[in-house]
Structure formats: C-alpha cells, structure tokens
Amino acid sequence: MKSKSLHPDQLIIRDCGLAGYEEILSLQQQLLADRQMDKIPNTILLVEHPPIITLGARKNENKLLADENILKSKGIEIIAIGRGGGTTAHNPGQLVIYPIIKLKTLKLDVPEFVRRVEQLGLELLDTLGVIAHRQKGLPGLWVEKQKIASVGIQIKKWVTMHGIAINICNDLTIFDYIVPCGLENVKMTSAAEQTGKKYNITAVKKTAAQLCRQLFSS
C-alpha cells in the first residue's frame, strides 16, 4: 500500500495511557527513525509511566540517595538513557510529553525548541491554576524555589525525542530517592500540592493536546 504524502502542517498526537518506560523509549526510537526518513509526520506522545528512575547522559548529575536493590524492592525500576540532564523520576499522575519533531519543519533551532517545550509546560500548568516559571541557569520549570517539571531533550539528525515531565498529581516521595537533575537541595512539587485540587489526567491530556497543536503545528 502506498503511503500518503505528508503535509508539513500535519501533527499526530498519541495518548499512550499508562505504559512502561522501555516500551515508550523503543516506540520513540522507531518514530524518530521514521521521522528522519519522512515516513511519518511530526508526532507527540502523551503518557504516564509506572514508577521508574532514569539516569541521563551526564554521569556527574546522576545521583541516587538509596541503594538500587532497595529501590527495586519498592517496585521502582532504574534505567540509564541517552537524553540530556541527570537523574529524574516518573510515576503515575505525572504527565510526560515526548515530541518527535523535525526541527526544520517548524523553522526552530535547538534553544528555541527547548523554550517551546518549556512554554508548553508553563501554559498547561497555568490552566491548572499554577503559575510556574523558568529559572536562569537551571533546567525545568519552577514554582518559586520548588521544581515542578523536568526537561530533557535528545536530538538526532535534527529530529527530537524525550521531552518534558510535569508533576500533576503524582506521589512525590519517589523524588526522595534521587537528587533531581543533579541539583542539590531541590524540593519537587506538583500541581496538586500547590493548589490542593484533584485532577483528572485524561482531562489534563486533552488540554495538553490542544496546547501541543498550538505550539508545534507549522
């Protein structure tokens, strides 16, 4: 069957539900290869992960505060990956957004793409009643001195993968076992902790999808 020609303004958004980290990493890698060859349009994955700690490419920023065997006994997986940044954690109630974007289709350079990913997080949190901000020299998004979202991007042949993890209503105790992104004395927070509200992740994903179309459609 012949594939349909791709229009430059096409954008696919996929809700992957609750899915294992390695499963989604494999999917990202396949999508990245397909995007490099223009087999698919720009694609964004929305997902929650079971409890897992990921180690980034910068080894000096990968800092665990508990023995790996203890973490595994608590049902927390550990995996080393190739994205930028240091140690971070994922669990249900945290929304992770993975853009597989060919930068030239949006006329973006790398810094501007990262800013747009951050802008996605800022605008999503604003709809939830949380005013977050960037902090010069520090990755991610912040609410005053507390970190609410982590950003880690990898780019291969000008196609992006990995993305942003935004704490919505997840169990924050998982962060007690790491030094987030290698930043000492950083306290993590979430939208739920900031507002005291309960959030429906399905509804949050719908809002995120609308914002993705605004920010990543050509």
N, C-alpha and C. Protein backbone atom coordinates (compact mmCIF):
# COMPACT_ATOMS: atom_id res chain seq x y z
N MET A 1 0.85 -1.20 0.00
CA MET A 1 0.00 0.00 0.00
C MET A 1 0.88 1.24 0.00
N LYS A 2 0.61 2.19 -0.90
CA LYS A 2 1.39 3.41 -0.98
C LYS A 2 1.09 4.31 0.22
N SER A 3 2.14 4.90 0.76
CA SER A 3 1.93 5.83 1.87
C SER A 3 1.46 7.16 1.33
N LYS A 4 0.63 7.83 2.10
CA LYS A 4 0.14 9.14 1.70
C LYS A 4 1.24 10.18 1.85
N SER A 5 1.25 11.16 0.98
CA SER A 5 2.24 12.22 1.11
C SER A 5 1.97 13.00 2.39
N LEU A 6 3.05 13.47 3.00
CA LEU A 6 2.93 14.17 4.27
C LEU A 6 2.81 15.67 4.03
N HIS A 7 1.85 16.27 4.68
CA HIS A 7 1.73 17.72 4.62
C HIS A 7 2.56 18.32 5.76
N PRO A 8 3.23 19.44 5.52
CA PRO A 8 4.12 19.99 6.55
C PRO A 8 3.41 20.40 7.82
N ASP A 9 2.09 20.66 7.73
CA ASP A 9 1.38 21.10 8.93
C ASP A 9 0.73 19.96 9.69
N GLN A 10 0.99 18.72 9.25
CA GLN A 10 0.41 17.58 9.95
C GLN A 10 1.08 17.39 11.31
N LEU A 11 0.29 17.01 12.28
CA LEU A 11 0.81 16.68 13.61
C LEU A 11 -0.06 15.58 14.20
N ILE A 12 0.58 14.49 14.58
CA ILE A 12 -0.13 13.38 15.22
C ILE A 12 0.12 13.45 16.72
N ILE A 13 -0.94 13.34 17.51
CA ILE A 13 -0.81 13.28 18.97
C ILE A 13 -1.39 11.95 19.44
N ARG A 14 -0.57 11.19 20.16
CA ARG A 14 -0.97 9.85 20.59
C ARG A 14 -1.01 9.78 22.12
N ASP A 15 -2.16 9.39 22.65
CA ASP A 15 -2.29 9.15 24.08
C ASP A 15 -1.94 7.69 24.33
N CYS A 16 -0.81 7.47 25.00
CA CYS A 16 -0.31 6.11 25.23
C CYS A 16 -0.76 5.54 26.57
N GLY A 17 -1.61 6.28 27.31
CA GLY A 17 -2.11 5.77 28.57
C GLY A 17 -1.01 5.62 29.61
N LEU A 18 -1.10 4.54 30.40
CA LEU A 18 -0.04 4.19 31.36
C LEU A 18 0.79 3.10 30.70
N ALA A 19 2.05 3.40 30.43
CA ALA A 19 2.88 2.46 29.67
C ALA A 19 4.29 2.43 30.22
N GLY A 20 4.91 1.26 30.13
CA GLY A 20 6.28 1.07 30.62
C GLY A 20 7.27 1.99 29.94
N TYR A 21 8.27 2.42 30.68
CA TYR A 21 9.24 3.38 30.14
C TYR A 21 9.98 2.81 28.95
N GLU A 22 10.47 1.57 29.08
CA GLU A 22 11.26 0.99 28.00
C GLU A 22 10.41 0.77 26.74
N GLU A 23 9.14 0.44 26.93
CA GLU A 23 8.23 0.29 25.79
C GLU A 23 8.11 1.60 25.03
N ILE A 24 7.94 2.70 25.76
CA ILE A 24 7.78 4.00 25.12
C ILE A 24 9.11 4.48 24.56
N LEU A 25 10.22 4.16 25.21
CA LEU A 25 11.53 4.52 24.68
C LEU A 25 11.76 3.84 23.33
N SER A 26 11.40 2.56 23.25
CA SER A 26 11.52 1.83 21.98
C SER A 26 10.63 2.45 20.91
N LEU A 27 9.41 2.84 21.31
CA LEU A 27 8.50 3.48 20.36
C LEU A 27 9.07 4.81 19.88
N GLN A 28 9.63 5.59 20.80
CA GLN A 28 10.24 6.86 20.41
C GLN A 28 11.36 6.65 19.39
N GLN A 29 12.19 5.66 19.64
CA GLN A 29 13.32 5.40 18.75
C GLN A 29 12.84 5.01 17.35
N GLN A 30 11.77 4.22 17.29
CA GLN A 30 11.22 3.84 15.99
C GLN A 30 10.61 5.05 15.28
N LEU A 31 9.86 5.85 16.04
CA LEU A 31 9.24 7.04 15.46
C LEU A 31 10.31 8.03 14.99
N LEU A 32 11.39 8.16 15.76
CA LEU A 32 12.47 9.06 15.39
C LEU A 32 13.08 8.64 14.05
N ALA A 33 13.33 7.33 13.91
CA ALA A 33 13.89 6.83 12.64
C ALA A 33 12.93 7.07 11.49
N ASP A 34 11.64 6.83 11.73
CA ASP A 34 10.64 7.05 10.69
C ASP A 34 10.52 8.53 10.33
N ARG A 35 10.63 9.39 11.35
CA ARG A 35 10.53 10.84 11.09
C ARG A 35 11.74 11.32 10.31
N GLN A 36 12.92 10.80 10.63
CA GLN A 36 14.12 11.19 9.89
C GLN A 36 13.98 10.90 8.41
N MET A 37 13.27 9.81 8.08
CA MET A 37 13.09 9.41 6.67
C MET A 37 11.77 9.91 6.09
N ASP A 38 11.08 10.78 6.85
CA ASP A 38 9.81 11.36 6.41
C ASP A 38 8.73 10.31 6.13
N LYS A 39 8.79 9.21 6.88
CA LYS A 39 7.74 8.20 6.74
C LYS A 39 6.49 8.59 7.53
N ILE A 40 6.67 9.44 8.53
CA ILE A 40 5.57 9.89 9.38
C ILE A 40 5.67 11.40 9.57
N PRO A 41 4.58 12.06 9.92
CA PRO A 41 4.65 13.48 10.26
C PRO A 41 5.17 13.67 11.68
N ASN A 42 5.35 14.91 12.09
CA ASN A 42 5.70 15.20 13.47
C ASN A 42 4.67 14.53 14.39
N THR A 43 5.16 13.95 15.48
CA THR A 43 4.32 13.14 16.37
C THR A 43 4.64 13.49 17.82
N ILE A 44 3.61 13.56 18.65
CA ILE A 44 3.80 13.82 20.07
C ILE A 44 3.10 12.72 20.87
N LEU A 45 3.83 12.15 21.82
CA LEU A 45 3.28 11.11 22.70
C LEU A 45 2.95 11.71 24.06
N LEU A 46 1.77 11.38 24.57
CA LEU A 46 1.36 11.74 25.93
C LEU A 46 1.26 10.45 26.73
N VAL A 47 1.89 10.39 27.90
CA VAL A 47 1.96 9.11 28.61
C VAL A 47 2.19 9.32 30.10
N GLU A 48 1.76 8.34 30.88
CA GLU A 48 2.17 8.20 32.28
C GLU A 48 3.01 6.93 32.37
N HIS A 49 3.97 6.91 33.28
CA HIS A 49 4.81 5.74 33.45
C HIS A 49 4.62 5.12 34.84
N PRO A 50 4.76 3.79 34.97
CA PRO A 50 4.88 3.19 36.30
C PRO A 50 6.15 3.73 36.97
N PRO A 51 6.31 3.54 38.28
CA PRO A 51 7.46 4.12 38.99
C PRO A 51 8.80 3.70 38.39
N ILE A 52 9.60 4.69 38.02
CA ILE A 52 10.92 4.43 37.44
C ILE A 52 11.83 5.63 37.65
N ILE A 53 13.11 5.36 37.85
CA ILE A 53 14.13 6.40 37.94
C ILE A 53 15.02 6.26 36.71
N THR A 54 15.22 7.38 35.99
CA THR A 54 16.05 7.35 34.79
C THR A 54 17.34 8.14 35.03
N LEU A 55 18.42 7.62 34.48
CA LEU A 55 19.74 8.24 34.60
C LEU A 55 20.10 8.84 33.26
N GLY A 56 20.43 10.13 33.23
CA GLY A 56 20.72 10.83 31.98
C GLY A 56 22.14 10.64 31.51
N ALA A 57 22.49 11.34 30.42
CA ALA A 57 23.79 11.18 29.78
C ALA A 57 24.93 11.79 30.61
N ARG A 58 24.62 12.79 31.43
CA ARG A 58 25.65 13.44 32.24
C ARG A 58 25.85 12.66 33.54
N LYS A 59 26.86 11.81 33.55
CA LYS A 59 27.04 10.90 34.68
C LYS A 59 27.26 11.64 36.01
N ASN A 60 27.89 12.81 35.95
CA ASN A 60 28.14 13.55 37.19
C ASN A 60 26.86 14.12 37.78
N GLU A 61 25.76 14.11 36.99
CA GLU A 61 24.48 14.61 37.50
C GLU A 61 23.55 13.48 37.93
N ASN A 62 24.00 12.23 37.78
CA ASN A 62 23.18 11.08 38.16
C ASN A 62 23.47 10.72 39.62
N LYS A 63 22.55 11.07 40.50
CA LYS A 63 22.78 10.88 41.93
C LYS A 63 21.58 10.19 42.58
N LEU A 64 21.81 8.97 43.07
CA LEU A 64 20.79 8.22 43.80
C LEU A 64 21.05 8.37 45.29
N LEU A 65 19.98 8.43 46.07
CA LEU A 65 20.10 8.56 47.52
C LEU A 65 19.72 7.27 48.24
N ALA A 66 19.54 6.20 47.47
CA ALA A 66 19.22 4.90 48.05
C ALA A 66 19.85 3.81 47.20
N ASP A 67 20.15 2.69 47.83
CA ASP A 67 20.73 1.56 47.12
C ASP A 67 19.75 1.05 46.05
N GLU A 68 20.31 0.65 44.91
CA GLU A 68 19.46 0.20 43.81
C GLU A 68 18.59 -0.99 44.19
N ASN A 69 19.12 -1.88 45.03
CA ASN A 69 18.34 -3.04 45.45
C ASN A 69 17.14 -2.64 46.31
N ILE A 70 17.33 -1.61 47.13
CA ILE A 70 16.22 -1.11 47.94
C ILE A 70 15.14 -0.51 47.05
N LEU A 71 15.58 0.25 46.05
CA LEU A 71 14.61 0.85 45.13
C LEU A 71 13.82 -0.22 44.38
N LYS A 72 14.52 -1.24 43.92
CA LYS A 72 13.85 -2.32 43.19
C LYS A 72 12.87 -3.07 44.09
N SER A 73 13.22 -3.20 45.39
CA SER A 73 12.31 -3.87 46.32
C SER A 73 11.03 -3.07 46.55
N LYS A 74 11.11 -1.76 46.27
CA LYS A 74 9.93 -0.89 46.40
C LYS A 74 9.16 -0.79 45.08
N GLY A 75 9.57 -1.58 44.10
CA GLY A 75 8.87 -1.58 42.82
C GLY A 75 9.27 -0.44 41.90
N ILE A 76 10.44 0.15 42.16
CA ILE A 76 10.92 1.27 41.34
C ILE A 76 12.03 0.76 40.42
N GLU A 77 11.81 0.84 39.12
CA GLU A 77 12.82 0.45 38.14
C GLU A 77 13.89 1.52 38.02
N ILE A 78 15.07 1.14 37.50
CA ILE A 78 16.15 2.08 37.23
C ILE A 78 16.67 1.78 35.83
N ILE A 79 16.83 2.84 35.02
CA ILE A 79 17.32 2.65 33.66
C ILE A 79 18.20 3.82 33.26
N ALA A 80 19.30 3.54 32.55
CA ALA A 80 20.17 4.59 32.00
C ALA A 80 19.76 4.86 30.56
N ILE A 81 19.64 6.15 30.21
CA ILE A 81 19.20 6.52 28.86
C ILE A 81 20.09 7.62 28.30
N GLY A 82 19.83 8.05 27.07
CA GLY A 82 20.74 8.95 26.40
C GLY A 82 20.35 10.41 26.37
N ARG A 83 19.24 10.77 27.02
CA ARG A 83 18.81 12.17 26.95
C ARG A 83 19.73 13.07 27.77
N GLY A 84 19.58 14.37 27.55
CA GLY A 84 20.32 15.33 28.34
C GLY A 84 19.81 15.37 29.77
N GLY A 85 20.60 16.00 30.64
CA GLY A 85 20.19 16.11 32.05
C GLY A 85 20.66 14.94 32.88
N GLY A 86 20.29 14.97 34.16
CA GLY A 86 20.72 13.92 35.08
C GLY A 86 19.57 13.05 35.51
N THR A 87 19.59 12.64 36.78
CA THR A 87 18.60 11.72 37.31
C THR A 87 17.23 12.37 37.42
N THR A 88 16.21 11.65 36.98
CA THR A 88 14.85 12.09 37.21
C THR A 88 13.97 10.88 37.49
N ALA A 89 12.72 11.13 37.82
CA ALA A 89 11.82 10.04 38.21
C ALA A 89 10.46 10.25 37.57
N HIS A 90 9.80 9.12 37.28
CA HIS A 90 8.46 9.13 36.71
C HIS A 90 7.57 8.19 37.52
N ASN A 91 6.30 8.53 37.63
CA ASN A 91 5.31 7.63 38.22
C ASN A 91 3.91 8.11 37.83
N PRO A 92 2.89 7.30 38.07
CA PRO A 92 1.53 7.68 37.66
C PRO A 92 1.09 9.01 38.29
N GLY A 93 0.37 9.80 37.51
CA GLY A 93 -0.03 11.12 37.96
C GLY A 93 0.89 12.21 37.47
N GLN A 94 2.02 11.79 36.89
CA GLN A 94 2.93 12.73 36.23
C GLN A 94 2.69 12.60 34.73
N LEU A 95 2.48 13.71 34.05
CA LEU A 95 2.27 13.68 32.61
C LEU A 95 3.59 13.89 31.90
N VAL A 96 3.95 12.94 31.04
CA VAL A 96 5.18 13.04 30.26
C VAL A 96 4.80 13.26 28.80
N ILE A 97 5.46 14.23 28.19
CA ILE A 97 5.16 14.61 26.81
C ILE A 97 6.44 14.46 25.99
N TYR A 98 6.36 13.61 24.97
CA TYR A 98 7.52 13.31 24.12
C TYR A 98 7.26 13.81 22.70
N PRO A 99 7.85 14.93 22.28
CA PRO A 99 7.70 15.39 20.90
C PRO A 99 8.75 14.73 19.99
N ILE A 100 8.29 14.14 18.91
CA ILE A 100 9.17 13.61 17.86
C ILE A 100 9.01 14.58 16.69
N ILE A 101 9.87 15.59 16.67
CA ILE A 101 9.69 16.75 15.79
C ILE A 101 10.91 16.93 14.90
N LYS A 102 10.70 17.10 13.61
CA LYS A 102 11.79 17.50 12.70
C LYS A 102 11.87 19.02 12.78
N LEU A 103 12.97 19.52 13.33
CA LEU A 103 13.05 20.94 13.68
C LEU A 103 12.84 21.87 12.49
N LYS A 104 13.35 21.48 11.33
CA LYS A 104 13.25 22.39 10.19
C LYS A 104 11.80 22.61 9.74
N THR A 105 10.92 21.65 10.05
CA THR A 105 9.52 21.83 9.65
C THR A 105 8.85 22.95 10.42
N LEU A 106 9.39 23.28 11.59
CA LEU A 106 8.85 24.39 12.39
C LEU A 106 9.78 25.60 12.39
N LYS A 107 10.87 25.48 11.59
CA LYS A 107 11.86 26.57 11.50
C LYS A 107 12.41 26.93 12.88
N LEU A 108 12.74 25.89 13.65
CA LEU A 108 13.25 26.09 15.01
C LEU A 108 14.70 25.65 15.11
N ASP A 109 15.48 26.42 15.88
CA ASP A 109 16.79 25.90 16.28
C ASP A 109 16.63 25.20 17.63
N VAL A 110 17.70 24.62 18.13
CA VAL A 110 17.59 23.82 19.35
C VAL A 110 17.15 24.66 20.56
N PRO A 111 17.78 25.80 20.84
CA PRO A 111 17.34 26.58 22.01
C PRO A 111 15.86 26.99 21.94
N GLU A 112 15.41 27.38 20.75
CA GLU A 112 14.01 27.80 20.63
C GLU A 112 13.07 26.62 20.79
N PHE A 113 13.48 25.44 20.33
CA PHE A 113 12.64 24.26 20.53
C PHE A 113 12.51 23.96 22.03
N VAL A 114 13.61 24.02 22.75
CA VAL A 114 13.57 23.76 24.20
C VAL A 114 12.66 24.78 24.87
N ARG A 115 12.75 26.05 24.47
CA ARG A 115 11.89 27.08 25.04
C ARG A 115 10.42 26.79 24.75
N ARG A 116 10.15 26.25 23.57
CA ARG A 116 8.77 25.96 23.23
C ARG A 116 8.24 24.79 24.06
N VAL A 117 9.09 23.80 24.32
CA VAL A 117 8.70 22.69 25.20
C VAL A 117 8.40 23.23 26.60
N GLU A 118 9.27 24.12 27.08
CA GLU A 118 9.03 24.73 28.38
C GLU A 118 7.74 25.54 28.37
N GLN A 119 7.49 26.25 27.28
CA GLN A 119 6.27 27.05 27.17
C GLN A 119 5.03 26.18 27.25
N LEU A 120 5.10 25.01 26.65
CA LEU A 120 4.01 24.04 26.74
C LEU A 120 3.71 23.72 28.20
N GLY A 121 4.76 23.45 28.98
CA GLY A 121 4.58 23.17 30.39
C GLY A 121 4.01 24.34 31.15
N LEU A 122 4.53 25.54 30.87
CA LEU A 122 4.06 26.74 31.57
C LEU A 122 2.57 26.98 31.31
N GLU A 123 2.17 26.84 30.04
CA GLU A 123 0.78 27.10 29.70
C GLU A 123 -0.15 26.02 30.25
N LEU A 124 0.30 24.78 30.23
CA LEU A 124 -0.52 23.70 30.79
C LEU A 124 -0.73 23.91 32.29
N LEU A 125 0.34 24.22 33.00
CA LEU A 125 0.23 24.44 34.44
C LEU A 125 -0.66 25.64 34.74
N ASP A 126 -0.60 26.66 33.90
CA ASP A 126 -1.45 27.84 34.09
C ASP A 126 -2.93 27.45 34.03
N THR A 127 -3.29 26.53 33.12
CA THR A 127 -4.69 26.09 33.05
C THR A 127 -5.12 25.33 34.29
N LEU A 128 -4.13 24.81 35.03
CA LEU A 128 -4.42 24.05 36.25
C LEU A 128 -4.36 24.93 37.50
N GLY A 129 -4.13 26.22 37.30
CA GLY A 129 -4.09 27.14 38.43
C GLY A 129 -2.73 27.29 39.07
N VAL A 130 -1.67 26.92 38.33
CA VAL A 130 -0.31 27.00 38.87
C VAL A 130 0.52 27.95 38.01
N ILE A 131 1.10 28.94 38.63
CA ILE A 131 1.98 29.88 37.93
C ILE A 131 3.42 29.41 38.11
N ALA A 132 3.98 28.86 37.06
CA ALA A 132 5.37 28.37 37.10
C ALA A 132 6.26 29.32 36.30
N HIS A 133 7.56 29.10 36.37
CA HIS A 133 8.49 29.98 35.66
C HIS A 133 9.77 29.21 35.34
N ARG A 134 10.52 29.77 34.39
CA ARG A 134 11.86 29.28 34.13
C ARG A 134 12.80 29.89 35.17
N GLN A 135 13.94 29.24 35.36
CA GLN A 135 14.94 29.79 36.28
C GLN A 135 16.28 29.79 35.57
N LYS A 136 16.86 30.95 35.39
CA LYS A 136 18.08 31.08 34.60
C LYS A 136 19.18 30.15 35.10
N GLY A 137 19.75 29.39 34.18
CA GLY A 137 20.85 28.50 34.51
C GLY A 137 20.43 27.16 35.07
N LEU A 138 19.11 26.97 35.28
CA LEU A 138 18.63 25.70 35.83
C LEU A 138 17.58 25.11 34.88
N PRO A 139 17.64 23.81 34.64
CA PRO A 139 16.67 23.20 33.73
C PRO A 139 15.30 23.04 34.36
N GLY A 140 14.30 22.85 33.52
CA GLY A 140 12.96 22.56 34.02
C GLY A 140 12.15 23.80 34.33
N LEU A 141 11.02 23.56 35.01
CA LEU A 141 10.11 24.64 35.40
C LEU A 141 9.97 24.65 36.92
N TRP A 142 9.71 25.83 37.45
CA TRP A 142 9.76 26.03 38.89
C TRP A 142 8.54 26.79 39.38
N VAL A 143 8.16 26.54 40.63
CA VAL A 143 7.18 27.34 41.35
C VAL A 143 7.93 27.89 42.56
N GLU A 144 8.29 29.16 42.46
CA GLU A 144 9.22 29.77 43.41
C GLU A 144 10.50 28.94 43.42
N LYS A 145 10.87 28.31 44.54
CA LYS A 145 12.13 27.55 44.56
C LYS A 145 11.92 26.04 44.44
N GLN A 146 10.69 25.64 44.18
CA GLN A 146 10.38 24.21 44.04
C GLN A 146 10.24 23.85 42.57
N LYS A 147 10.75 22.69 42.22
CA LYS A 147 10.73 22.25 40.83
C LYS A 147 9.46 21.44 40.56
N ILE A 148 8.78 21.77 39.44
CA ILE A 148 7.51 21.11 39.13
C ILE A 148 7.57 20.34 37.81
N ALA A 149 8.58 20.60 36.99
CA ALA A 149 8.69 19.89 35.71
C ALA A 149 10.16 19.75 35.34
N SER A 150 10.49 18.61 34.73
CA SER A 150 11.85 18.33 34.27
C SER A 150 11.87 18.25 32.75
N VAL A 151 12.91 18.82 32.16
CA VAL A 151 13.06 18.83 30.71
C VAL A 151 14.36 18.13 30.33
N GLY A 152 14.27 17.20 29.40
CA GLY A 152 15.46 16.52 28.88
C GLY A 152 15.23 16.19 27.42
N ILE A 153 16.07 16.71 26.55
CA ILE A 153 15.88 16.57 25.11
C ILE A 153 17.08 15.85 24.49
N GLN A 154 16.80 15.01 23.51
CA GLN A 154 17.85 14.40 22.70
C GLN A 154 17.51 14.67 21.24
N ILE A 155 18.52 15.02 20.44
CA ILE A 155 18.27 15.34 19.04
C ILE A 155 19.22 14.54 18.16
N LYS A 156 18.67 13.84 17.19
CA LYS A 156 19.46 13.05 16.26
C LYS A 156 19.05 13.42 14.83
N LYS A 157 20.03 13.89 14.06
CA LYS A 157 19.77 14.32 12.68
C LYS A 157 18.60 15.31 12.64
N TRP A 158 18.59 16.22 13.62
CA TRP A 158 17.62 17.31 13.70
C TRP A 158 16.19 16.84 13.95
N VAL A 159 16.05 15.64 14.48
CA VAL A 159 14.75 15.17 14.96
C VAL A 159 14.85 14.96 16.46
N THR A 160 13.84 15.41 17.19
CA THR A 160 13.88 15.40 18.65
C THR A 160 13.24 14.14 19.23
N MET A 161 13.66 13.81 20.44
CA MET A 161 12.96 12.80 21.24
C MET A 161 13.15 13.15 22.72
N HIS A 162 12.54 12.36 23.60
CA HIS A 162 12.42 12.71 25.02
C HIS A 162 11.62 14.01 25.11
N GLY A 163 11.61 14.69 26.25
CA GLY A 163 10.74 15.87 26.34
C GLY A 163 10.61 16.44 27.73
N ILE A 164 9.37 16.54 28.21
CA ILE A 164 9.10 17.20 29.49
C ILE A 164 8.20 16.31 30.34
N ALA A 165 8.53 16.25 31.63
CA ALA A 165 7.73 15.51 32.62
C ALA A 165 7.18 16.51 33.62
N ILE A 166 5.84 16.58 33.71
CA ILE A 166 5.18 17.59 34.54
C ILE A 166 4.44 16.91 35.68
N ASN A 167 4.76 17.30 36.90
CA ASN A 167 4.12 16.70 38.07
C ASN A 167 2.71 17.28 38.24
N ILE A 168 1.72 16.43 38.04
CA ILE A 168 0.33 16.88 38.17
C ILE A 168 -0.23 16.44 39.52
N CYS A 169 -0.37 15.14 39.71
CA CYS A 169 -0.93 14.63 40.98
C CYS A 169 -0.23 13.33 41.37
N ASN A 170 1.05 13.23 41.08
CA ASN A 170 1.81 12.02 41.39
C ASN A 170 2.33 12.02 42.82
N ASP A 171 2.73 10.83 43.28
CA ASP A 171 3.31 10.65 44.60
C ASP A 171 4.74 11.20 44.57
N LEU A 172 4.98 12.28 45.27
CA LEU A 172 6.27 12.95 45.22
C LEU A 172 7.36 12.27 46.04
N THR A 173 7.01 11.26 46.83
CA THR A 173 8.03 10.61 47.67
C THR A 173 9.07 9.89 46.83
N ILE A 174 8.76 9.58 45.57
CA ILE A 174 9.75 8.92 44.71
C ILE A 174 10.99 9.80 44.54
N PHE A 175 10.81 11.12 44.63
CA PHE A 175 11.94 12.04 44.45
C PHE A 175 12.85 12.07 45.68
N ASP A 176 12.40 11.47 46.79
CA ASP A 176 13.26 11.41 47.97
C ASP A 176 14.46 10.51 47.74
N TYR A 177 14.41 9.69 46.70
CA TYR A 177 15.48 8.73 46.43
C TYR A 177 16.52 9.23 45.45
N ILE A 178 16.36 10.46 44.95
CA ILE A 178 17.30 10.98 43.96
C ILE A 178 17.65 12.43 44.26
N VAL A 179 18.70 12.90 43.59
CA VAL A 179 18.98 14.34 43.52
C VAL A 179 18.51 14.76 42.13
N PRO A 180 17.34 15.40 42.03
CA PRO A 180 16.76 15.68 40.72
C PRO A 180 17.69 16.47 39.80
N CYS A 181 18.02 15.86 38.65
CA CYS A 181 18.88 16.51 37.64
C CYS A 181 20.22 16.97 38.23
N GLY A 182 20.65 16.32 39.30
CA GLY A 182 21.93 16.64 39.91
C GLY A 182 21.93 17.93 40.72
N LEU A 183 20.75 18.49 40.98
CA LEU A 183 20.65 19.76 41.71
C LEU A 183 20.41 19.48 43.20
N GLU A 184 21.40 19.81 44.00
CA GLU A 184 21.32 19.55 45.44
C GLU A 184 20.25 20.43 46.10
N ASN A 185 19.61 19.87 47.12
CA ASN A 185 18.64 20.60 47.96
C ASN A 185 17.45 21.15 47.19
N VAL A 186 17.08 20.46 46.13
CA VAL A 186 15.90 20.86 45.37
C VAL A 186 14.69 20.07 45.85
N LYS A 187 13.62 20.77 46.15
CA LYS A 187 12.37 20.12 46.55
C LYS A 187 11.44 20.09 45.35
N MET A 188 10.88 18.92 45.08
CA MET A 188 9.92 18.79 43.98
C MET A 188 8.52 19.10 44.48
N THR A 189 7.70 19.61 43.58
CA THR A 189 6.31 19.88 43.91
C THR A 189 5.43 19.41 42.75
N SER A 190 4.12 19.57 42.91
CA SER A 190 3.17 19.15 41.88
C SER A 190 2.02 20.15 41.83
N ALA A 191 1.23 20.07 40.78
CA ALA A 191 0.06 20.93 40.69
C ALA A 191 -0.88 20.67 41.86
N ALA A 192 -1.08 19.39 42.19
CA ALA A 192 -1.98 19.03 43.28
C ALA A 192 -1.48 19.59 44.62
N GLU A 193 -0.18 19.51 44.84
CA GLU A 193 0.38 20.02 46.09
C GLU A 193 0.23 21.54 46.15
N GLN A 194 0.38 22.20 45.03
CA GLN A 194 0.31 23.66 45.01
C GLN A 194 -1.11 24.18 45.21
N THR A 195 -2.09 23.48 44.66
CA THR A 195 -3.46 24.00 44.66
C THR A 195 -4.40 23.29 45.63
N GLY A 196 -4.04 22.06 46.03
CA GLY A 196 -4.94 21.28 46.86
C GLY A 196 -6.10 20.68 46.08
N LYS A 197 -6.05 20.79 44.75
CA LYS A 197 -7.13 20.28 43.91
C LYS A 197 -6.84 18.84 43.46
N LYS A 198 -7.91 18.14 43.06
CA LYS A 198 -7.77 16.85 42.43
C LYS A 198 -7.86 17.04 40.92
N TYR A 199 -7.04 16.32 40.19
CA TYR A 199 -7.00 16.47 38.74
C TYR A 199 -7.30 15.15 38.05
N ASN A 200 -8.01 15.25 36.95
CA ASN A 200 -8.29 14.10 36.09
C ASN A 200 -7.25 14.12 34.97
N ILE A 201 -6.37 13.12 34.97
CA ILE A 201 -5.28 13.11 34.00
C ILE A 201 -5.80 13.06 32.56
N THR A 202 -6.91 12.37 32.34
CA THR A 202 -7.47 12.31 30.98
C THR A 202 -7.83 13.71 30.50
N ALA A 203 -8.43 14.49 31.38
CA ALA A 203 -8.79 15.87 31.03
C ALA A 203 -7.53 16.72 30.82
N VAL A 204 -6.52 16.50 31.66
CA VAL A 204 -5.27 17.25 31.53
C VAL A 204 -4.61 16.93 30.19
N LYS A 205 -4.66 15.66 29.79
CA LYS A 205 -4.08 15.27 28.49
C LYS A 205 -4.79 15.97 27.34
N LYS A 206 -6.10 16.12 27.43
CA LYS A 206 -6.85 16.79 26.36
C LYS A 206 -6.40 18.24 26.23
N THR A 207 -6.22 18.89 27.36
CA THR A 207 -5.72 20.27 27.34
C THR A 207 -4.32 20.32 26.77
N ALA A 208 -3.47 19.36 27.19
CA ALA A 208 -2.10 19.30 26.68
C ALA A 208 -2.08 19.11 25.17
N ALA A 209 -2.98 18.28 24.66
CA ALA A 209 -3.04 18.04 23.22
C ALA A 209 -3.39 19.33 22.47
N GLN A 210 -4.33 20.10 23.01
CA GLN A 210 -4.71 21.37 22.39
C GLN A 210 -3.52 22.33 22.35
N LEU A 211 -2.77 22.39 23.45
CA LEU A 211 -1.61 23.27 23.51
C LEU A 211 -0.51 22.79 22.56
N CYS A 212 -0.35 21.47 22.44
CA CYS A 212 0.65 20.93 21.50
C CYS A 212 0.33 21.37 20.08
N ARG A 213 -0.94 21.35 19.73
CA ARG A 213 -1.33 21.76 18.37
C ARG A 213 -1.04 23.25 18.15
N GLN A 214 -1.21 24.06 19.18
CA GLN A 214 -0.92 25.48 19.06
C GLN A 214 0.58 25.75 18.92
N LEU A 215 1.37 25.00 19.67
CA LEU A 215 2.82 25.28 19.76
C LEU A 215 3.67 24.53 18.76
N PHE A 216 3.18 23.39 18.25
CA PHE A 216 4.03 22.55 17.40
C PHE A 216 3.42 22.25 16.04
N SER A 217 2.39 22.98 15.65
CA SER A 217 1.89 22.87 14.28
C SER A 217 2.54 23.97 13.45
N SER A 218 2.87 23.64 12.23
CA SER A 218 3.56 24.63 11.38
C SER A 218 2.55 25.57 10.72
